[in-house]
N, C-alpha and C. Protein backbone atom coordinates (compact mmCIF):
# COMPACT_ATOMS: atom_id res chain seq x y z
N MET A 1 -20.47 -13.01 0.56
CA MET A 1 -19.33 -13.71 1.12
C MET A 1 -18.21 -13.77 0.07
N THR A 2 -17.00 -13.45 0.48
CA THR A 2 -15.84 -13.48 -0.42
C THR A 2 -15.26 -14.89 -0.44
N THR A 3 -15.12 -15.43 -1.62
CA THR A 3 -14.51 -16.75 -1.75
C THR A 3 -13.03 -16.57 -2.07
N GLN A 4 -12.27 -17.66 -1.97
CA GLN A 4 -10.85 -17.62 -2.30
C GLN A 4 -10.65 -17.13 -3.74
N ARG A 5 -11.56 -17.50 -4.62
CA ARG A 5 -11.45 -17.10 -6.03
C ARG A 5 -11.67 -15.60 -6.21
N ASP A 6 -12.52 -14.99 -5.35
CA ASP A 6 -12.81 -13.57 -5.44
C ASP A 6 -11.76 -12.71 -4.74
N LYS A 7 -11.10 -13.26 -3.75
CA LYS A 7 -10.16 -12.50 -2.95
C LYS A 7 -8.90 -12.20 -3.76
N PRO A 8 -8.47 -10.93 -3.79
CA PRO A 8 -7.23 -10.61 -4.50
C PRO A 8 -6.07 -11.38 -3.88
N GLN A 9 -5.16 -11.79 -4.72
CA GLN A 9 -3.97 -12.47 -4.24
C GLN A 9 -2.76 -11.65 -4.63
N TYR A 10 -1.75 -11.71 -3.81
CA TYR A 10 -0.55 -10.91 -4.03
C TYR A 10 0.69 -11.78 -3.97
N VAL A 11 1.70 -11.36 -4.73
CA VAL A 11 2.98 -12.05 -4.74
C VAL A 11 4.09 -11.03 -4.58
N ALA A 12 5.18 -11.46 -3.96
CA ALA A 12 6.37 -10.62 -3.85
C ALA A 12 7.37 -11.10 -4.89
N CYS A 13 7.94 -10.16 -5.61
CA CYS A 13 8.95 -10.48 -6.62
C CYS A 13 10.27 -10.76 -5.92
N MET A 14 10.82 -11.94 -6.12
CA MET A 14 12.08 -12.33 -5.52
C MET A 14 13.24 -12.20 -6.50
N SER A 15 12.93 -12.19 -7.79
CA SER A 15 13.94 -12.05 -8.84
C SER A 15 13.25 -11.47 -10.07
N ASN A 16 13.96 -10.59 -10.77
CA ASN A 16 13.41 -10.05 -12.02
C ASN A 16 14.28 -10.47 -13.20
N GLU A 17 15.02 -11.55 -13.04
CA GLU A 17 15.91 -12.05 -14.09
C GLU A 17 15.14 -12.26 -15.39
N GLY A 18 15.58 -11.55 -16.41
CA GLY A 18 14.92 -11.63 -17.71
C GLY A 18 13.82 -10.60 -17.91
N TYR A 19 13.43 -9.90 -16.83
CA TYR A 19 12.32 -8.94 -16.91
C TYR A 19 12.63 -7.66 -16.11
N PRO A 20 13.83 -7.09 -16.25
CA PRO A 20 14.19 -5.95 -15.39
C PRO A 20 13.33 -4.70 -15.60
N ALA A 21 12.76 -4.52 -16.77
CA ALA A 21 11.92 -3.33 -17.01
C ALA A 21 10.49 -3.52 -16.51
N ALA A 22 10.08 -4.78 -16.32
CA ALA A 22 8.69 -5.07 -15.97
C ALA A 22 8.48 -5.40 -14.50
N LEU A 23 9.53 -5.86 -13.82
CA LEU A 23 9.40 -6.30 -12.43
C LEU A 23 10.48 -5.66 -11.56
N VAL A 24 10.11 -5.32 -10.34
CA VAL A 24 11.05 -4.76 -9.38
C VAL A 24 11.18 -5.76 -8.22
N VAL A 25 12.40 -6.14 -7.92
CA VAL A 25 12.65 -7.09 -6.84
C VAL A 25 12.16 -6.50 -5.52
N ARG A 26 11.52 -7.33 -4.71
CA ARG A 26 10.94 -7.01 -3.39
C ARG A 26 9.67 -6.17 -3.47
N ARG A 27 9.13 -5.97 -4.66
CA ARG A 27 7.86 -5.25 -4.81
C ARG A 27 6.72 -6.26 -4.78
N ILE A 28 5.58 -5.85 -4.26
CA ILE A 28 4.40 -6.70 -4.19
C ILE A 28 3.52 -6.40 -5.40
N TYR A 29 3.08 -7.47 -6.05
CA TYR A 29 2.24 -7.37 -7.25
C TYR A 29 0.95 -8.14 -7.05
N ARG A 30 -0.08 -7.69 -7.74
CA ARG A 30 -1.35 -8.42 -7.72
C ARG A 30 -1.26 -9.60 -8.68
N ARG A 31 -1.71 -10.73 -8.20
CA ARG A 31 -1.73 -11.96 -8.98
C ARG A 31 -3.16 -12.22 -9.42
N LEU A 32 -3.34 -12.53 -10.68
CA LEU A 32 -4.65 -12.90 -11.21
C LEU A 32 -4.67 -14.41 -11.41
N LEU A 33 -5.73 -15.04 -10.97
CA LEU A 33 -5.79 -16.49 -11.09
C LEU A 33 -5.91 -16.90 -12.55
N ASP A 34 -5.07 -17.84 -12.94
CA ASP A 34 -5.05 -18.38 -14.29
C ASP A 34 -4.62 -19.85 -14.18
N PRO A 35 -5.58 -20.73 -13.88
CA PRO A 35 -5.25 -22.14 -13.65
C PRO A 35 -4.50 -22.80 -14.81
N ASP A 36 -4.83 -22.45 -16.04
CA ASP A 36 -4.13 -23.04 -17.19
C ASP A 36 -2.65 -22.65 -17.18
N ALA A 37 -2.38 -21.40 -16.93
CA ALA A 37 -0.99 -20.93 -16.89
C ALA A 37 -0.23 -21.57 -15.74
N GLU A 38 -0.91 -21.71 -14.60
CA GLU A 38 -0.25 -22.27 -13.43
C GLU A 38 0.18 -23.72 -13.63
N THR A 39 -0.56 -24.45 -14.45
CA THR A 39 -0.15 -25.83 -14.73
C THR A 39 1.14 -25.85 -15.55
N GLU A 40 1.46 -24.73 -16.19
CA GLU A 40 2.69 -24.61 -16.98
C GLU A 40 3.82 -23.93 -16.19
N GLY A 41 3.58 -23.69 -14.88
CA GLY A 41 4.60 -23.06 -14.05
C GLY A 41 4.67 -21.55 -14.21
N LEU A 42 3.55 -20.94 -14.62
CA LEU A 42 3.50 -19.49 -14.83
C LEU A 42 2.47 -18.85 -13.92
N LEU A 43 2.70 -17.59 -13.60
CA LEU A 43 1.72 -16.79 -12.85
C LEU A 43 1.33 -15.58 -13.69
N ARG A 44 0.06 -15.21 -13.62
CA ARG A 44 -0.41 -14.00 -14.29
C ARG A 44 -0.34 -12.87 -13.25
N VAL A 45 0.49 -11.87 -13.56
CA VAL A 45 0.79 -10.81 -12.61
C VAL A 45 0.59 -9.45 -13.28
N VAL A 46 0.00 -8.51 -12.55
CA VAL A 46 -0.11 -7.12 -13.03
C VAL A 46 1.23 -6.46 -12.71
N ASP A 47 2.00 -6.18 -13.76
CA ASP A 47 3.37 -5.70 -13.58
C ASP A 47 3.47 -4.17 -13.61
N GLU A 48 4.69 -3.67 -13.78
CA GLU A 48 4.94 -2.22 -13.76
C GLU A 48 4.19 -1.47 -14.85
N SER A 49 3.83 -2.14 -15.93
CA SER A 49 3.10 -1.48 -17.02
C SER A 49 1.63 -1.25 -16.66
N GLY A 50 1.17 -1.93 -15.60
CA GLY A 50 -0.23 -1.85 -15.22
C GLY A 50 -1.09 -2.88 -15.93
N GLU A 51 -0.47 -3.68 -16.79
CA GLU A 51 -1.15 -4.75 -17.53
C GLU A 51 -0.75 -6.09 -16.92
N ASP A 52 -1.56 -7.11 -17.19
CA ASP A 52 -1.22 -8.44 -16.68
C ASP A 52 -0.50 -9.25 -17.75
N TYR A 53 0.55 -9.92 -17.30
CA TYR A 53 1.37 -10.77 -18.17
C TYR A 53 1.73 -12.04 -17.41
N LEU A 54 2.15 -13.04 -18.16
CA LEU A 54 2.59 -14.29 -17.56
C LEU A 54 4.09 -14.25 -17.28
N TYR A 55 4.45 -14.72 -16.09
CA TYR A 55 5.85 -14.79 -15.68
C TYR A 55 6.10 -16.14 -15.03
N PRO A 56 7.34 -16.61 -15.06
CA PRO A 56 7.67 -17.87 -14.38
C PRO A 56 7.37 -17.75 -12.88
N SER A 57 6.71 -18.74 -12.34
CA SER A 57 6.28 -18.68 -10.94
C SER A 57 7.46 -18.66 -9.97
N HIS A 58 8.63 -19.18 -10.38
CA HIS A 58 9.78 -19.21 -9.47
C HIS A 58 10.33 -17.81 -9.17
N LEU A 59 9.86 -16.80 -9.87
CA LEU A 59 10.29 -15.43 -9.60
C LEU A 59 9.57 -14.81 -8.41
N PHE A 60 8.51 -15.47 -7.91
CA PHE A 60 7.63 -14.88 -6.90
C PHE A 60 7.39 -15.79 -5.71
N LEU A 61 7.01 -15.17 -4.60
CA LEU A 61 6.48 -15.87 -3.44
C LEU A 61 5.10 -15.30 -3.15
N VAL A 62 4.14 -16.17 -2.89
CA VAL A 62 2.79 -15.73 -2.55
C VAL A 62 2.83 -15.14 -1.13
N VAL A 63 2.19 -14.00 -0.95
CA VAL A 63 2.16 -13.35 0.36
C VAL A 63 0.72 -13.15 0.81
N ASP A 64 0.52 -13.27 2.11
CA ASP A 64 -0.78 -12.97 2.72
C ASP A 64 -0.67 -11.60 3.36
N LEU A 65 -1.47 -10.68 2.89
CA LEU A 65 -1.44 -9.32 3.40
C LEU A 65 -2.51 -9.12 4.45
N PRO A 66 -2.24 -8.29 5.45
CA PRO A 66 -3.29 -7.94 6.41
C PRO A 66 -4.44 -7.26 5.67
N PRO A 67 -5.68 -7.43 6.16
CA PRO A 67 -6.83 -6.84 5.49
C PRO A 67 -6.71 -5.33 5.25
N SER A 68 -6.10 -4.60 6.17
CA SER A 68 -5.98 -3.15 6.00
C SER A 68 -5.10 -2.80 4.79
N ILE A 69 -4.06 -3.57 4.55
CA ILE A 69 -3.20 -3.32 3.40
C ILE A 69 -3.91 -3.71 2.12
N GLU A 70 -4.62 -4.84 2.12
CA GLU A 70 -5.39 -5.23 0.93
C GLU A 70 -6.40 -4.15 0.55
N THR A 71 -7.06 -3.60 1.55
CA THR A 71 -8.04 -2.53 1.31
C THR A 71 -7.35 -1.31 0.69
N ALA A 72 -6.21 -0.95 1.22
CA ALA A 72 -5.47 0.20 0.69
C ALA A 72 -5.04 -0.05 -0.74
N PHE A 73 -4.58 -1.26 -1.05
CA PHE A 73 -4.17 -1.60 -2.42
C PHE A 73 -5.34 -1.49 -3.38
N ARG A 74 -6.51 -1.97 -2.96
CA ARG A 74 -7.70 -1.92 -3.83
C ARG A 74 -8.10 -0.47 -4.12
N LYS A 75 -7.93 0.40 -3.15
CA LYS A 75 -8.32 1.81 -3.34
C LYS A 75 -7.45 2.52 -4.35
N VAL A 76 -6.20 2.14 -4.48
CA VAL A 76 -5.29 2.83 -5.40
C VAL A 76 -5.17 2.15 -6.74
N SER A 77 -5.75 0.95 -6.89
CA SER A 77 -5.62 0.26 -8.19
C SER A 77 -6.84 0.44 -9.05
């Protein structure tokens, strides 16, 4: 059984202010859960480099993807 903690989460970039080389506006990124960072207003996101970094949470909106898209994303990552 997949729990919320196991399920990949995705965010849409709404602004790349301060991070134009690492984030593309309107692109969907995988979010990694990091409760400590989230208490500081940060999200851990796998960015354009393919690595995960912390970014201000106000740059993103959490999105719910249909299962078929989530499956496709997992296959290419």
